[in-house]
Amino acid sequence: PNERCCRNGPIASCVNSMRVFSKGSDLASAEARRANRVAMLLFFSLLIHNFPEGLAVAASALESDQLGLTVTIGIMIHNIPEGIAIAIPCLKARPDSPWLSFILASVSGLAEPAGAF
């Protein structure tokens, strides 16, 4: 692995590692690979889904403070099951990596503040 990293460079090695991880080709069972595909599909789709929610929060907050707070609380509550929807298949695919589930669920939610700015 180190020889390969030095030959291809660290960026190419990182990209290759991300490709292996996102495809789940490092996983042994078909069930784990399927769960990994579901987790990645949900991660990327909810990442894209959360950006316009940030726009909605920003637009409603510009209209009035009360409306902004109401929309923020509503979206915040509905983001909890979205995070769970990412974390559960990720834990099924990689039970030895609970922090990965947490990170993927959290990062998908970070698109929302990006949309608000």
Protein backbone atom coordinates (compact mmCIF):
# COMPACT_ATOMS: atom_id res chain seq x y z
CA PRO A 1 0.00 0.00 0.00
CA ASN A 2 2.76 2.49 0.83
CA GLU A 3 4.58 1.73 -2.42
CA ARG A 4 1.35 2.31 -4.29
CA CYS A 5 0.71 5.54 -2.39
CA CYS A 6 4.16 6.88 -3.24
CA ARG A 7 3.91 5.84 -6.89
CA ASN A 8 0.45 7.32 -7.51
CA GLY A 9 0.71 10.16 -5.05
CA PRO A 10 -1.32 10.82 -1.90
CA ILE A 11 -4.26 12.43 -3.70
CA ALA A 12 -4.69 9.51 -6.10
CA SER A 13 -4.44 7.13 -3.17
CA CYS A 14 -7.09 9.06 -1.25
CA VAL A 15 -9.41 9.14 -4.27
CA ASN A 16 -8.94 5.39 -4.74
CA SER A 17 -9.69 4.76 -1.06
CA MET A 18 -12.87 6.85 -1.30
CA ARG A 19 -13.94 4.92 -4.40
CA VAL A 20 -13.43 1.59 -2.61
CA PHE A 21 -15.26 2.90 0.45
CA SER A 22 -18.23 4.38 -1.40
CA LYS A 23 -18.69 1.24 -3.52
CA GLY A 24 -18.22 -1.03 -0.53
CA SER A 25 -15.85 -3.29 -2.44
CA ASP A 26 -13.89 -3.81 0.76
CA LEU A 27 -16.91 -5.49 2.41
CA ALA A 28 -17.11 -9.27 2.52
CA SER A 29 -20.82 -10.07 2.30
CA ALA A 30 -23.37 -9.10 -0.33
CA GLU A 31 -25.71 -7.93 2.42
CA ALA A 32 -23.08 -5.53 3.79
CA ARG A 33 -22.37 -4.20 0.27
CA ARG A 34 -26.11 -3.67 -0.27
CA ALA A 35 -26.43 -1.81 3.04
CA ASN A 36 -23.42 0.30 2.09
CA ARG A 37 -25.04 1.20 -1.26
CA VAL A 38 -28.22 2.23 0.55
CA ALA A 39 -26.23 4.32 3.05
CA MET A 40 -24.29 6.09 0.27
CA LEU A 41 -27.45 6.69 -1.78
CA LEU A 42 -29.22 8.19 1.23
CA PHE A 43 -26.15 10.21 2.20
CA PHE A 44 -25.78 11.86 -1.21
CA SER A 45 -29.51 12.34 -1.79
CA LEU A 46 -30.08 13.89 1.64
CA LEU A 47 -26.96 16.02 1.22
CA ILE A 48 -28.53 17.50 -1.92
CA HIS A 49 -31.97 17.63 -0.26
CA ASN A 50 -30.71 19.65 2.73
CA PHE A 51 -29.28 22.53 0.69
CA PRO A 52 -32.67 23.99 -0.35
CA GLU A 53 -33.91 23.53 3.20
CA GLY A 54 -31.19 25.95 4.26
CA LEU A 55 -32.45 28.38 1.63
CA ALA A 56 -35.97 28.00 3.05
CA VAL A 57 -34.74 28.74 6.57
CA ALA A 58 -32.85 31.82 5.41
CA ALA A 59 -35.76 33.14 3.34
CA SER A 60 -38.25 32.62 6.16
CA ALA A 61 -35.93 34.27 8.68
CA LEU A 62 -35.63 37.29 6.40
CA GLU A 63 -39.42 37.56 6.26
CA SER A 64 -39.88 37.55 10.05
CA ASP A 65 -38.12 36.26 13.13
CA GLN A 66 -41.13 34.22 14.23
CA LEU A 67 -41.51 32.55 10.83
CA GLY A 68 -37.77 31.86 10.69
CA LEU A 69 -37.86 30.23 14.11
CA THR A 70 -40.91 28.15 13.21
CA VAL A 71 -39.40 26.88 9.96
CA THR A 72 -36.06 26.22 11.67
CA ILE A 73 -37.67 24.12 14.41
CA GLY A 74 -39.79 22.21 11.89
CA ILE A 75 -36.82 21.39 9.68
CA MET A 76 -34.67 20.58 12.71
CA ILE A 77 -37.22 18.03 13.93
CA HIS A 78 -37.54 16.37 10.53
CA ASN A 79 -33.74 16.15 10.18
CA ILE A 80 -33.57 13.65 13.07
CA PRO A 81 -35.13 10.77 11.09
CA GLU A 82 -33.03 11.76 8.07
CA GLY A 83 -29.85 11.26 10.10
CA ILE A 84 -31.16 7.95 11.42
CA ALA A 85 -31.99 6.89 7.85
CA ILE A 86 -28.31 7.33 6.94
CA ALA A 87 -26.85 5.90 10.13
CA ILE A 88 -28.77 2.61 10.28
CA PRO A 89 -27.69 1.18 6.90
CA CYS A 90 -24.18 2.47 7.50
CA LEU A 91 -24.07 0.61 10.83
CA LYS A 92 -25.45 -2.49 9.13
CA ALA A 93 -22.67 -2.36 6.53
CA ARG A 94 -19.89 -1.41 8.93
CA PRO A 95 -20.81 -2.36 12.50
CA ASP A 96 -17.23 -1.83 13.64
CA SER A 97 -17.32 1.86 12.58
CA PRO A 98 -20.07 3.65 14.56
CA TRP A 99 -18.28 6.99 14.21
CA LEU A 100 -18.56 6.69 10.44
CA SER A 101 -22.35 6.53 10.77
CA PHE A 102 -22.30 9.60 12.98
CA ILE A 103 -20.02 11.51 10.60
CA LEU A 104 -22.02 10.70 7.47
CA ALA A 105 -25.30 11.65 9.16
CA SER A 106 -23.78 14.89 10.46
CA VAL A 107 -22.09 15.89 7.20
CA SER A 108 -25.32 15.42 5.25
CA GLY A 109 -26.93 17.93 7.60
CA LEU A 110 -24.14 20.47 7.08
CA ALA A 111 -25.47 21.23 3.61
CA GLU A 112 -28.32 23.04 5.29
CA PRO A 113 -26.26 25.85 6.87
CA ALA A 114 -24.40 26.12 3.56
CA GLY A 115 -27.74 26.72 1.85
CA ALA A 116 -28.64 29.37 4.40
CA PHE A 117 -25.62 31.44 3.45
